[in-house]
């Protein structure tokens, strides 16, 4: 992606609303070197602004007369690049976020950049059904989706688990009835285990635990179990 792709980009459309509007020179970056962005990353942001307008306000923490950016650093860099190319910049919508001090502001910035949850190829394809997407303009988590391969393609009922590493070989067994699965539990010795929460400050007493059944069996061990049954 290069500047020629956005050569007709003359004016920025504001496509969102905030509590106030500020020029980018009045907004200061807070994250420093926390997140690195390549020239390609900046061009992707510029393309998004070109196509859809400035669609998300800056999240700003005000402290000692400064407007410190909690969310929107990539957009700040993209807008600075657009100004370098001679495009006049308007004031941009901001949302003010409260924080008692700098450590709390940094805590909130880290949470803005945290990924709570995950996307899979199946979930993205379902969400994007009916949309025309350009893979070159969207950066999804690594390995999540190849849009070119995904368009018009049918997928099986059992999605591949990303937990299984590529360095191993697997056979996946599907059971349609509880009885068949109970038989497999007996054959392979699958045991119920307590699955405690991994979150901090959670009550992990027995009353708040739940049961889970291990389903990964060592291959050679499983073969010996099956051969032993046949014998």
Protein backbone atom coordinates (compact mmCIF):
# COMPACT_ATOMS: atom_id res chain seq x y z
CA UNK A 1 0.00 0.00 0.00
CA UNK A 2 1.40 3.42 -0.91
CA UNK A 3 0.44 7.09 -1.08
CA UNK A 4 -0.86 6.68 -4.63
CA UNK A 5 -3.73 4.57 -3.39
CA UNK A 6 -5.06 7.57 -1.44
CA UNK A 7 -4.02 10.24 -3.96
CA UNK A 8 -7.60 11.59 -4.14
CA UNK A 9 -7.72 12.05 -0.36
CA UNK A 10 -8.29 15.80 0.06
CA UNK A 11 -10.54 16.19 3.09
CA UNK A 12 -11.15 14.21 6.28
CA UNK A 13 -14.74 13.34 7.12
CA UNK A 14 -15.59 13.29 10.83
CA UNK A 15 -17.81 10.22 11.37
CA UNK A 16 -18.18 10.16 15.16
CA UNK A 17 -19.03 12.43 18.10
CA UNK A 18 -17.27 13.09 21.38
CA UNK A 19 -17.54 15.32 24.43
CA UNK A 20 -15.31 17.90 22.78
CA UNK A 21 -13.09 18.41 19.75
CA UNK A 22 -9.35 19.12 19.80
CA UNK A 23 -6.67 19.71 17.15
CA UNK A 24 -4.07 16.92 17.07
CA UNK A 25 -1.34 19.30 18.23
CA UNK A 26 -3.26 19.65 21.51
CA UNK A 27 -3.15 15.86 22.13
CA UNK A 28 0.02 14.28 23.48
CA UNK A 29 0.99 10.62 23.26
CA UNK A 30 1.23 8.69 26.51
CA UNK A 31 2.17 5.16 25.51
CA UNK A 32 5.69 5.94 24.29
CA UNK A 33 7.29 2.81 22.80
CA UNK A 34 4.67 0.44 24.18
CA UNK A 35 3.38 -0.45 20.71
CA UNK A 36 5.44 -0.36 17.51
CA UNK A 37 3.83 0.54 14.18
CA UNK A 38 5.34 0.07 10.75
CA UNK A 39 4.81 2.32 7.74
CA UNK A 40 2.35 -0.28 6.48
CA UNK A 41 0.38 -0.02 9.73
CA UNK A 42 0.10 3.75 9.32
CA UNK A 43 -1.00 3.38 5.69
CA UNK A 44 -3.73 0.95 6.75
CA UNK A 45 -5.05 3.51 9.22
CA UNK A 46 -4.91 6.22 6.55
CA UNK A 47 -6.85 3.98 4.16
CA UNK A 48 -9.49 3.36 6.82
CA UNK A 49 -9.88 7.11 7.45
CA UNK A 50 -10.06 7.69 3.70
CA UNK A 51 -12.81 5.13 3.16
CA UNK A 52 -14.90 5.48 6.32
CA UNK A 53 -13.92 8.82 7.80
CA UNK A 54 -12.53 9.48 11.28
CA UNK A 55 -14.85 7.02 13.00
CA UNK A 56 -13.54 6.63 16.57
CA UNK A 57 -12.85 9.48 19.01
CA UNK A 58 -9.61 9.81 20.92
CA UNK A 59 -9.69 8.71 24.57
CA UNK A 60 -7.94 11.46 26.53
CA UNK A 61 -6.86 11.92 30.13
CA UNK A 62 -6.49 15.55 31.18
CA UNK A 63 -3.71 16.27 33.68
CA UNK A 64 -1.99 19.56 34.59
CA UNK A 65 -3.40 21.24 31.50
CA UNK A 66 -2.27 18.45 29.16
CA UNK A 67 -4.44 16.20 27.02
CA UNK A 68 -2.75 12.79 27.20
CA UNK A 69 -3.88 10.17 24.70
CA UNK A 70 -4.94 6.82 26.17
CA UNK A 71 -6.36 5.40 22.94
CA UNK A 72 -5.74 6.59 19.40
CA UNK A 73 -1.96 6.76 19.07
CA UNK A 74 -2.02 5.11 15.66
CA UNK A 75 -4.59 7.62 14.44
CA UNK A 76 -2.43 10.46 15.77
CA UNK A 77 0.52 9.18 13.74
CA UNK A 78 -1.63 8.68 10.64
CA UNK A 79 -3.09 12.18 10.91
CA UNK A 80 0.38 13.66 11.35
CA UNK A 81 1.41 11.88 8.15
CA UNK A 82 -1.64 13.23 6.32
CA UNK A 83 -0.75 16.74 7.44
CA UNK A 84 2.78 16.18 6.13
CA UNK A 85 1.20 15.37 2.76
CA UNK A 86 -0.57 18.71 2.77
CA UNK A 87 -4.04 17.71 3.91
CA UNK A 88 -5.76 20.26 6.18
CA UNK A 89 -6.81 18.72 9.48
CA UNK A 90 -9.96 19.71 11.40
CA UNK A 91 -10.42 19.33 15.15
CA UNK A 92 -11.15 15.75 16.18
CA UNK A 93 -13.70 14.36 18.70
CA UNK A 94 -12.33 13.27 22.06
CA UNK A 95 -13.77 11.41 25.04
CA UNK A 96 -12.33 12.34 28.43
CA UNK A 97 -11.36 9.48 30.74
CA UNK A 98 -10.95 10.02 34.48
CA UNK A 99 -7.83 8.87 36.33
CA UNK A 100 -6.58 9.94 39.75
CA UNK A 101 -2.92 9.94 38.71
CA UNK A 102 -0.43 8.82 36.05
CA UNK A 103 -0.14 5.22 37.31
CA UNK A 104 -3.92 4.80 37.09
CA UNK A 105 -3.94 6.38 33.62
CA UNK A 106 -1.28 3.88 32.51
CA UNK A 107 -3.28 1.04 34.03
CA UNK A 108 -6.28 2.07 31.95
CA UNK A 109 -4.14 2.43 28.82
CA UNK A 110 -2.86 -1.12 29.27
CA UNK A 111 -6.42 -2.36 29.63
CA UNK A 112 -7.42 -0.58 26.44
CA UNK A 113 -4.66 -2.49 24.69
CA UNK A 114 -5.45 -5.84 26.33
CA UNK A 115 -7.21 -8.56 24.38
CA UNK A 116 -10.06 -9.99 26.42
CA UNK A 117 -11.27 -12.86 24.32
CA UNK A 118 -10.22 -14.22 20.97
CA UNK A 119 -11.41 -14.52 17.39
CA UNK A 120 -11.38 -17.67 15.30
CA UNK A 121 -11.67 -18.18 11.58
CA UNK A 122 -15.22 -19.47 12.04
CA UNK A 123 -16.32 -16.56 14.24
CA UNK A 124 -14.91 -13.92 11.85
CA UNK A 125 -16.50 -15.54 8.82
CA UNK A 126 -19.87 -15.66 10.60
CA UNK A 127 -19.63 -12.01 11.70
CA UNK A 128 -18.47 -10.83 8.25
CA UNK A 129 -21.16 -12.74 6.35
CA UNK A 130 -22.49 -10.51 3.56
CA UNK A 131 -19.62 -8.02 3.81
CA UNK A 132 -17.05 -7.35 1.12
CA UNK A 133 -13.70 -7.31 2.87
CA UNK A 134 -10.25 -6.44 1.63
CA UNK A 135 -7.61 -8.48 3.42
CA UNK A 136 -4.96 -5.89 2.59
CA UNK A 137 -6.83 -3.28 4.68
CA UNK A 138 -7.57 -5.33 7.80
CA UNK A 139 -5.13 -6.77 10.31
CA UNK A 140 -6.67 -9.55 12.38
CA UNK A 141 -4.83 -11.68 14.96
CA UNK A 142 -2.16 -13.87 13.41
CA UNK A 143 -3.56 -17.06 11.91
CA UNK A 144 -7.15 -15.98 12.49
CA UNK A 145 -8.33 -15.60 8.94
CA UNK A 146 -7.20 -15.70 5.36
CA UNK A 147 -9.98 -13.78 3.64
CA UNK A 148 -9.09 -14.91 0.15
CA UNK A 149 -9.30 -18.56 1.15
CA UNK A 150 -12.39 -18.00 3.28
CA UNK A 151 -14.74 -16.43 0.72
CA UNK A 152 -17.38 -18.89 -0.52
CA UNK A 153 -15.80 -21.82 1.28
CA UNK A 154 -17.71 -24.34 3.36
CA UNK A 155 -16.45 -25.50 6.74
CA UNK A 156 -17.13 -28.67 8.69
CA UNK A 157 -19.26 -28.89 11.80
CA UNK A 158 -16.20 -29.42 14.02
CA UNK A 159 -13.77 -26.47 13.83
CA UNK A 160 -10.09 -27.24 14.32
CA UNK A 161 -8.89 -26.31 17.80
CA UNK A 162 -6.08 -23.75 17.75
CA UNK A 163 -4.81 -25.25 21.01
CA UNK A 164 -3.41 -28.21 19.08
CA UNK A 165 0.12 -27.35 18.02
CA UNK A 166 1.34 -27.80 14.45
CA UNK A 167 4.39 -29.69 15.73
CA UNK A 168 2.16 -32.67 16.66
CA UNK A 169 -0.08 -35.07 14.74
CA UNK A 170 -3.65 -35.63 15.92
CA UNK A 171 -6.66 -37.83 15.34
CA UNK A 172 -9.92 -36.16 16.40
CA UNK A 173 -12.76 -38.44 17.45
CA UNK A 174 -16.33 -37.13 17.22
CA UNK A 175 -19.10 -38.63 19.38
CA UNK A 176 -22.76 -37.93 18.59
CA UNK A 177 -24.22 -39.49 21.72
CA UNK A 178 -23.40 -39.27 25.43
CA UNK A 179 -23.27 -43.07 25.64
CA UNK A 180 -20.57 -43.32 22.97
CA UNK A 181 -18.54 -40.64 24.72
CA UNK A 182 -18.95 -42.35 28.10
CA UNK A 183 -17.62 -45.53 26.49
CA UNK A 184 -14.62 -43.56 25.22
CA UNK A 185 -14.04 -42.13 28.69
CA UNK A 186 -13.92 -45.66 30.08
CA UNK A 187 -11.67 -46.97 27.32
CA UNK A 188 -9.14 -44.14 27.52
CA UNK A 189 -9.41 -43.51 31.23
CA UNK A 190 -10.57 -39.91 30.92
CA UNK A 191 -11.03 -38.54 34.41
CA UNK A 192 -13.03 -35.64 35.81
CA UNK A 193 -10.80 -32.88 37.13
CA UNK A 194 -11.40 -29.65 39.00
CA UNK A 195 -11.04 -26.60 36.78
CA UNK A 196 -10.24 -23.64 38.99
CA UNK A 197 -10.32 -20.05 37.77
CA UNK A 198 -6.93 -18.66 36.69
CA UNK A 199 -8.00 -15.09 37.54
CA UNK A 200 -6.50 -13.39 40.56
CA UNK A 201 -8.57 -12.91 43.70
CA UNK A 202 -11.12 -15.55 42.73
CA UNK A 203 -12.69 -17.87 45.26
CA UNK A 204 -11.27 -21.26 44.32
CA UNK A 205 -12.88 -23.27 47.08
CA UNK A 206 -14.55 -26.57 46.21
CA UNK A 207 -18.01 -25.00 46.19
CA UNK A 208 -17.02 -22.67 43.33
CA UNK A 209 -15.08 -25.17 41.24
CA UNK A 210 -16.52 -27.00 38.28
CA UNK A 211 -15.78 -30.24 36.55
CA UNK A 212 -13.96 -30.70 33.27
CA UNK A 213 -12.87 -33.85 31.46
CA UNK A 214 -9.40 -34.12 29.94
CA UNK A 215 -9.64 -35.05 26.27
CA UNK A 216 -6.02 -35.15 25.09
CA UNK A 217 -4.62 -38.68 25.21
CA UNK A 218 -1.08 -39.72 24.31
CA UNK A 219 -1.32 -41.45 20.93
CA UNK A 220 0.85 -44.54 21.56
CA UNK A 221 -0.87 -45.03 24.93
CA UNK A 222 -4.30 -44.89 23.25
CA UNK A 223 -3.22 -47.48 20.67
CA UNK A 224 -2.06 -49.84 23.41
CA UNK A 225 -5.42 -49.36 25.17
CA UNK A 226 -7.34 -50.22 21.99
CA UNK A 227 -5.11 -53.17 21.17
CA UNK A 228 -5.47 -54.44 24.72
CA UNK A 229 -9.26 -54.35 24.40
CA UNK A 230 -9.13 -56.26 21.13
CA UNK A 231 -6.89 -58.86 22.67
